[in-house]
């Protein structure tokens, strides 16, 4: 069954069932993303990025989060 076919079936559901389906899909997709992220961490995919971040922190080459969040150019 295709996603389009599932969508057509979902359109026939009562509103509360659609909302329940949306919550279930959100939880399912979040779990998939979490699994992929955990696999990437375990494989070492982020090791160099973490090392670079620590090096920048130790060198004082960081910006306080408050400065970034309150930057008028970003709003």
PDB file of N, CA and C in Angstrom:
ATOM      1  N   UNK A   1       0.850  -1.173   0.000  1.00  0.00           N
ATOM      2  CA  UNK A   1       0.000   0.000   0.000  1.00  0.00           C
ATOM      3  C   UNK A   1       0.899   1.242   0.000  1.00  0.00           C
ATOM      4  N   UNK A   2       0.539   2.212  -0.782  1.00  0.00           N
ATOM      5  CA  UNK A   2       1.331   3.440  -0.880  1.00  0.00           C
ATOM      6  C   UNK A   2       0.905   4.456   0.180  1.00  0.00           C
ATOM      7  N   UNK A   3       1.769   5.443   0.377  1.00  0.00           N
ATOM      8  CA  UNK A   3       1.444   6.515   1.318  1.00  0.00           C
ATOM      9  C   UNK A   3       0.196   7.268   0.875  1.00  0.00           C
ATOM     10  N   UNK A   4       0.042   7.447  -0.446  1.00  0.00           N
ATOM     11  CA  UNK A   4      -1.142   8.137  -0.960  1.00  0.00           C
ATOM     12  C   UNK A   4      -2.406   7.345  -0.651  1.00  0.00           C
ATOM     13  N   UNK A   5      -2.320   6.032  -0.747  1.00  0.00           N
ATOM     14  CA  UNK A   5      -3.488   5.201  -0.431  1.00  0.00           C
ATOM     15  C   UNK A   5      -3.814   5.277   1.059  1.00  0.00           C
ATOM     16  N   UNK A   6      -2.793   5.268   1.895  1.00  0.00           N
ATOM     17  CA  UNK A   6      -3.009   5.392   3.334  1.00  0.00           C
ATOM     18  C   UNK A   6      -3.645   6.741   3.641  1.00  0.00           C
ATOM     19  N   UNK A   7      -3.166   7.793   2.982  1.00  0.00           N
ATOM     20  CA  UNK A   7      -3.715   9.129   3.200  1.00  0.00           C
ATOM     21  C   UNK A   7      -5.189   9.174   2.819  1.00  0.00           C
ATOM     22  N   UNK A   8      -5.533   8.557   1.707  1.00  0.00           N
ATOM     23  CA  UNK A   8      -6.941   8.530   1.289  1.00  0.00           C
ATOM     24  C   UNK A   8      -7.802   7.811   2.315  1.00  0.00           C
ATOM     25  N   UNK A   9      -7.274   6.742   2.895  1.00  0.00           N
ATOM     26  CA  UNK A   9      -8.012   6.046   3.947  1.00  0.00           C
ATOM     27  C   UNK A   9      -8.121   6.911   5.194  1.00  0.00           C
ATOM     28  N   UNK A  10      -7.035   7.598   5.541  1.00  0.00           N
ATOM     29  CA  UNK A  10      -7.034   8.448   6.732  1.00  0.00           C
ATOM     30  C   UNK A  10      -8.058   9.573   6.613  1.00  0.00           C
ATOM     31  N   UNK A  11      -8.276  10.049   5.405  1.00  0.00           N
ATOM     32  CA  UNK A  11      -9.253  11.122   5.192  1.00  0.00           C
ATOM     33  C   UNK A  11     -10.672  10.678   5.519  1.00  0.00           C
ATOM     34  N   UNK A  12     -10.881   9.385   5.583  1.00  0.00           N
ATOM     35  CA  UNK A  12     -12.215   8.854   5.880  1.00  0.00           C
ATOM     36  C   UNK A  12     -12.442   8.662   7.388  1.00  0.00           C
ATOM     37  N   UNK A  13     -11.404   8.838   8.162  1.00  0.00           N
ATOM     38  CA  UNK A  13     -11.501   8.642   9.609  1.00  0.00           C
ATOM     39  C   UNK A  13     -12.160   9.835  10.289  1.00  0.00           C
ATOM     40  N   UNK A  14     -12.792   9.591  11.430  1.00  0.00           N
ATOM     41  CA  UNK A  14     -13.298  10.702  12.245  1.00  0.00           C
ATOM     42  C   UNK A  14     -12.116  11.534  12.762  1.00  0.00           C
ATOM     43  N   UNK A  15     -12.382  12.782  13.069  1.00  0.00           N
ATOM     44  CA  UNK A  15     -11.330  13.713  13.472  1.00  0.00           C
ATOM     45  C   UNK A  15     -10.474  13.181  14.620  1.00  0.00           C
ATOM     46  N   UNK A  16     -11.087  12.627  15.647  1.00  0.00           N
ATOM     47  CA  UNK A  16     -10.318  12.136  16.795  1.00  0.00           C
ATOM     48  C   UNK A  16      -9.401  10.982  16.395  1.00  0.00           C
ATOM     49  N   UNK A  17      -9.840  10.136  15.479  1.00  0.00           N
ATOM     50  CA  UNK A  17      -9.002   9.039  15.006  1.00  0.00           C
ATOM     51  C   UNK A  17      -7.816   9.571  14.203  1.00  0.00           C
ATOM     52  N   UNK A  18      -8.049  10.631  13.439  1.00  0.00           N
ATOM     53  CA  UNK A  18      -6.957  11.248  12.677  1.00  0.00           C
ATOM     54  C   UNK A  18      -5.913  11.819  13.639  1.00  0.00           C
ATOM     55  N   UNK A  19      -6.377  12.470  14.703  1.00  0.00           N
ATOM     56  CA  UNK A  19      -5.452  13.023  15.692  1.00  0.00           C
ATOM     57  C   UNK A  19      -4.669  11.916  16.393  1.00  0.00           C
ATOM     58  N   UNK A  20      -5.339  10.813  16.712  1.00  0.00           N
ATOM     59  CA  UNK A  20      -4.638   9.675  17.312  1.00  0.00           C
ATOM     60  C   UNK A  20      -3.602   9.112  16.347  1.00  0.00           C
ATOM     61  N   UNK A  21      -3.966   8.981  15.090  1.00  0.00           N
ATOM     62  CA  UNK A  21      -3.048   8.477  14.070  1.00  0.00           C
ATOM     63  C   UNK A  21      -1.832   9.397  13.948  1.00  0.00           C
ATOM     64  N   UNK A  22      -2.067  10.687  13.962  1.00  0.00           N
ATOM     65  CA  UNK A  22      -0.969  11.645  13.857  1.00  0.00           C
ATOM     66  C   UNK A  22      -0.017  11.499  15.032  1.00  0.00           C
ATOM     67  N   UNK A  23      -0.547  11.322  16.241  1.00  0.00           N
ATOM     68  CA  UNK A  23       0.303  11.134  17.421  1.00  0.00           C
ATOM     69  C   UNK A  23       1.120   9.846  17.302  1.00  0.00           C
ATOM     70  N   UNK A  24       0.481   8.788  16.819  1.00  0.00           N
ATOM     71  CA  UNK A  24       1.190   7.514  16.669  1.00  0.00           C
ATOM     72  C   UNK A  24       2.300   7.636  15.624  1.00  0.00           C
ATOM     73  N   UNK A  25       2.019   8.306  14.520  1.00  0.00           N
ATOM     74  CA  UNK A  25       3.033   8.490  13.478  1.00  0.00           C
ATOM     75  C   UNK A  25       4.188   9.345  13.980  1.00  0.00           C
ATOM     76  N   UNK A  26       3.864  10.372  14.731  1.00  0.00           N
ATOM     77  CA  UNK A  26       4.912  11.240  15.273  1.00  0.00           C
ATOM     78  C   UNK A  26       5.830  10.459  16.205  1.00  0.00           C
ATOM     79  N   UNK A  27       5.247   9.637  17.080  1.00  0.00           N
ATOM     80  CA  UNK A  27       6.046   8.835  18.004  1.00  0.00           C
ATOM     81  C   UNK A  27       6.902   7.823  17.243  1.00  0.00           C
ATOM     82  N   UNK A  28       6.335   7.220  16.222  1.00  0.00           N
ATOM     83  CA  UNK A  28       7.048   6.228  15.427  1.00  0.00           C
ATOM     84  C   UNK A  28       8.225   6.853  14.678  1.00  0.00           C
ATOM     85  N   UNK A  29       7.982   7.997  14.045  1.00  0.00           N
ATOM     86  CA  UNK A  29       9.066   8.648  13.303  1.00  0.00           C
ATOM     87  C   UNK A  29      10.132   9.192  14.250  1.00  0.00           C
ATOM     88  N   UNK A  30       9.731   9.684  15.413  1.00  0.00           N
ATOM     89  CA  UNK A  30      10.711  10.157  16.398  1.00  0.00           C
ATOM     90  C   UNK A  30      11.602   9.004  16.849  1.00  0.00           C
ATOM     91  N   UNK A  31      11.015   7.834  17.045  1.00  0.00           N
ATOM     92  CA  UNK A  31      11.804   6.666  17.444  1.00  0.00           C
ATOM     93  C   UNK A  31      12.785   6.275  16.340  1.00  0.00           C
ATOM     94  N   UNK A  32      12.373   6.367  15.087  1.00  0.00           N
ATOM     95  CA  UNK A  32      13.271   6.058  13.977  1.00  0.00           C
ATOM     96  C   UNK A  32      14.452   7.017  13.950  1.00  0.00           C
ATOM     97  N   UNK A  33      14.186   8.312  14.132  1.00  0.00           N
ATOM     98  CA  UNK A  33      15.254   9.312  14.143  1.00  0.00           C
ATOM     99  C   UNK A  33      16.199   9.050  15.312  1.00  0.00           C
ATOM    100  N   UNK A  34      15.637   8.755  16.480  1.00  0.00           N
ATOM    101  CA  UNK A  34      16.463   8.463  17.651  1.00  0.00           C
ATOM    102  C   UNK A  34      17.385   7.269  17.396  1.00  0.00           C
ATOM    103  N   UNK A  35      16.842   6.225  16.777  1.00  0.00           N
ATOM    104  CA  UNK A  35      17.653   5.032  16.493  1.00  0.00           C
ATOM    105  C   UNK A  35      18.796   5.358  15.528  1.00  0.00           C
ATOM    106  N   UNK A  36      18.500   6.148  14.499  1.00  0.00           N
ATOM    107  CA  UNK A  36      19.538   6.518  13.542  1.00  0.00           C
ATOM    108  C   UNK A  36      20.610   7.376  14.205  1.00  0.00           C
ATOM    109  N   UNK A  37      20.196   8.306  15.067  1.00  0.00           N
ATOM    110  CA  UNK A  37      21.146   9.159  15.769  1.00  0.00           C
ATOM    111  C   UNK A  37      22.023   8.327  16.698  1.00  0.00           C
ATOM    112  N   UNK A  38      21.408   7.415  17.455  1.00  0.00           N
ATOM    113  CA  UNK A  38      22.175   6.571  18.360  1.00  0.00           C
ATOM    114  C   UNK A  38      23.176   5.714  17.597  1.00  0.00           C
ATOM    115  N   UNK A  39      22.773   5.188  16.449  1.00  0.00           N
ATOM    116  CA  UNK A  39      23.683   4.382  15.625  1.00  0.00           C
ATOM    117  C   UNK A  39      24.853   5.233  15.131  1.00  0.00           C
ATOM    118  N   UNK A  40      24.578   6.479  14.750  1.00  0.00           N
ATOM    119  CA  UNK A  40      25.636   7.371  14.279  1.00  0.00           C
ATOM    120  C   UNK A  40      26.608   7.693  15.407  1.00  0.00           C
ATOM    121  N   UNK A  41      26.091   7.904  16.605  1.00  0.00           N
ATOM    122  CA  UNK A  41      26.955   8.188  17.755  1.00  0.00           C
ATOM    123  C   UNK A  41      27.823   6.973  18.048  1.00  0.00           C
ATOM    124  N   UNK A  42      27.216   5.794  18.071  1.00  0.00           N
ATOM    125  CA  UNK A  42      27.970   4.570  18.373  1.00  0.00           C
ATOM    126  C   UNK A  42      29.023   4.270  17.312  1.00  0.00           C
ATOM    127  N   UNK A  43      28.759   4.672  16.074  1.00  0.00           N
ATOM    128  CA  UNK A  43      29.714   4.406  14.995  1.00  0.00           C
ATOM    129  C   UNK A  43      30.882   5.382  14.999  1.00  0.00           C
ATOM    130  N   UNK A  44      30.779   6.434  15.833  1.00  0.00           N
ATOM    131  CA  UNK A  44      31.847   7.420  15.901  1.00  0.00           C
ATOM    132  C   UNK A  44      31.681   8.566  14.920  1.00  0.00           C
ATOM    133  N   UNK A  45      30.525   8.657  14.292  1.00  0.00           N
ATOM    134  CA  UNK A  45      30.298   9.687  13.277  1.00  0.00           C
ATOM    135  C   UNK A  45      30.438  11.107  13.828  1.00  0.00           C
ATOM    136  N   UNK A  46      30.244  11.278  15.122  1.00  0.00           N
ATOM    137  CA  UNK A  46      30.291  12.612  15.706  1.00  0.00           C
ATOM    138  C   UNK A  46      31.565  12.864  16.518  1.00  0.00           C
ATOM    139  N   UNK A  47      32.468  11.895  16.548  1.00  0.00           N
ATOM    140  CA  UNK A  47      33.666  12.031  17.376  1.00  0.00           C
ATOM    141  C   UNK A  47      34.508  13.256  16.994  1.00  0.00           C
ATOM    142  N   UNK A  48      34.752  13.449  15.713  1.00  0.00           N
ATOM    143  CA  UNK A  48      35.570  14.583  15.285  1.00  0.00           C
ATOM    144  C   UNK A  48      34.854  15.903  15.567  1.00  0.00           C
ATOM    145  N   UNK A  49      33.550  15.933  15.353  1.00  0.00           N
ATOM    146  CA  UNK A  49      32.784  17.154  15.621  1.00  0.00           C
ATOM    147  C   UNK A  49      32.868  17.502  17.112  1.00  0.00           C
ATOM    148  N   UNK A  50      32.754  16.494  17.978  1.00  0.00           N
ATOM    149  CA  UNK A  50      32.851  16.730  19.419  1.00  0.00           C
ATOM    150  C   UNK A  50      34.254  17.202  19.791  1.00  0.00           C
ATOM    151  N   UNK A  51      35.278  16.595  19.210  1.00  0.00           N
ATOM    152  CA  UNK A  51      36.655  17.001  19.487  1.00  0.00           C
ATOM    153  C   UNK A  51      36.889  18.442  19.052  1.00  0.00           C
ATOM    154  N   UNK A  52      36.367  18.807  17.882  1.00  0.00           N
ATOM    155  CA  UNK A  52      36.510  20.185  17.403  1.00  0.00           C
ATOM    156  C   UNK A  52      35.809  21.169  18.332  1.00  0.00           C
ATOM    157  N   UNK A  53      34.618  20.794  18.807  1.00  0.00           N
ATOM    158  CA  UNK A  53      33.870  21.678  19.704  1.00  0.00           C
ATOM    159  C   UNK A  53      34.625  21.875  21.017  1.00  0.00           C
ATOM    160  N   UNK A  54      35.175  20.800  21.555  1.00  0.00           N
ATOM    161  CA  UNK A  54      35.945  20.925  22.801  1.00  0.00           C
ATOM    162  C   UNK A  54      37.188  21.779  22.595  1.00  0.00           C
ATOM    163  N   UNK A  55      37.842  21.627  21.464  1.00  0.00           N
ATOM    164  CA  UNK A  55      39.033  22.438  21.161  1.00  0.00           C
ATOM    165  C   UNK A  55      38.657  23.921  21.097  1.00  0.00           C
ATOM    166  N   UNK A  56      37.550  24.238  20.437  1.00  0.00           N
ATOM    167  CA  UNK A  56      37.097  25.632  20.353  1.00  0.00           C
ATOM    168  C   UNK A  56      36.749  26.175  21.730  1.00  0.00           C
ATOM    169  N   UNK A  57      36.115  25.356  22.561  1.00  0.00           N
ATOM    170  CA  UNK A  57      35.764  25.780  23.912  1.00  0.00           C
ATOM    171  C   UNK A  57      37.018  26.068  24.728  1.00  0.00           C
ATOM    172  N   UNK A  58      37.976  25.149  24.680  1.00  0.00           N
ATOM    173  CA  UNK A  58      39.217  25.324  25.431  1.00  0.00           C
ATOM    174  C   UNK A  58      40.000  26.538  24.949  1.00  0.00           C
ATOM    175  N   UNK A  59      39.904  26.859  23.649  1.00  0.00           N
ATOM    176  CA  UNK A  59      40.623  28.007  23.094  1.00  0.00           C
ATOM    177  C   UNK A  59      39.874  29.317  23.327  1.00  0.00           C
ATOM    178  N   UNK A  60      38.676  29.233  23.900  1.00  0.00           N
ATOM    179  CA  UNK A  60      37.886  30.441  24.148  1.00  0.00           C
ATOM    180  C   UNK A  60      37.225  30.990  22.899  1.00  0.00           C
ATOM    181  N   UNK A  61      37.058  30.155  21.906  1.00  0.00           N
ATOM    182  CA  UNK A  61      36.452  30.593  20.645  1.00  0.00           C
ATOM    183  C   UNK A  61      34.964  30.263  20.588  1.00  0.00           C
ATOM    184  N   UNK A  62      34.274  30.547  21.659  1.00  0.00           N
ATOM    185  CA  UNK A  62      32.835  30.281  21.696  1.00  0.00           C
ATOM    186  C   UNK A  62      32.075  31.571  21.973  1.00  0.00           C
ATOM    187  N   UNK A  63      30.801  31.531  21.727  1.00  0.00           N
ATOM    188  CA  UNK A  63      29.918  32.671  21.973  1.00  0.00           C
ATOM    189  C   UNK A  63      28.849  32.207  22.952  1.00  0.00           C
ATOM    190  N   UNK A  64      28.573  33.003  23.952  1.00  0.00           N
ATOM    191  CA  UNK A  64      27.530  32.658  24.916  1.00  0.00           C
ATOM    192  C   UNK A  64      26.187  32.535  24.206  1.00  0.00           C
ATOM    193  N   UNK A  65      25.422  31.534  24.594  1.00  0.00           N
ATOM    194  CA  UNK A  65      24.136  31.298  23.958  1.00  0.00           C
ATOM    195  C   UNK A  65      23.228  32.519  24.044  1.00  0.00           C
ATOM    196  N   UNK A  66      23.253  33.225  25.167  1.00  0.00           N
ATOM    197  CA  UNK A  66      22.430  34.426  25.307  1.00  0.00           C
ATOM    198  C   UNK A  66      22.758  35.460  24.233  1.00  0.00           C
ATOM    199  N   UNK A  67      24.036  35.584  23.896  1.00  0.00           N
ATOM    200  CA  UNK A  67      24.431  36.535  22.857  1.00  0.00           C
ATOM    201  C   UNK A  67      23.848  36.139  21.505  1.00  0.00           C
ATOM    202  N   UNK A  68      23.841  34.867  21.239  1.00  0.00           N
ATOM    203  CA  UNK A  68      23.291  34.394  19.973  1.00  0.00           C
ATOM    204  C   UNK A  68      21.784  34.593  19.948  1.00  0.00           C
ATOM    205  N   UNK A  69      21.120  34.217  21.027  1.00  0.00           N
ATOM    206  CA  UNK A  69      19.656  34.293  21.069  1.00  0.00           C
ATOM    207  C   UNK A  69      19.144  35.733  21.039  1.00  0.00           C
ATOM    208  N   UNK A  70      19.924  36.653  21.550  1.00  0.00           N
ATOM    209  CA  UNK A  70      19.488  38.050  21.599  1.00  0.00           C
ATOM    210  C   UNK A  70      20.058  38.899  20.470  1.00  0.00           C
ATOM    211  N   UNK A  71      20.676  38.259  19.521  1.00  0.00           N
ATOM    212  CA  UNK A  71      21.235  38.976  18.358  1.00  0.00           C
ATOM    213  C   UNK A  71      20.076  39.470  17.487  1.00  0.00           C
ATOM    214  N   UNK A  72      19.884  40.788  17.331  1.00  0.00           N
ATOM    215  CA  UNK A  72      18.766  41.313  16.545  1.00  0.00           C
ATOM    216  C   UNK A  72      18.818  40.892  15.083  1.00  0.00           C
ATOM    217  N   UNK A  73      19.996  40.535  14.598  1.00  0.00           N
ATOM    218  CA  UNK A  73      20.099  40.114  13.205  1.00  0.00           C
ATOM    219  C   UNK A  73      19.455  38.757  12.977  1.00  0.00           C
ATOM    220  N   UNK A  74      19.224  38.015  14.059  1.00  0.00           N
ATOM    221  CA  UNK A  74      18.664  36.677  13.933  1.00  0.00           C
ATOM    222  C   UNK A  74      17.155  36.638  14.156  1.00  0.00           C
ATOM    223  N   UNK A  75      16.562  37.744  14.549  1.00  0.00           N
ATOM    224  CA  UNK A  75      15.120  37.722  14.823  1.00  0.00           C
ATOM    225  C   UNK A  75      14.307  38.186  13.649  1.00  0.00           C
TER     226      UNK A  75
END
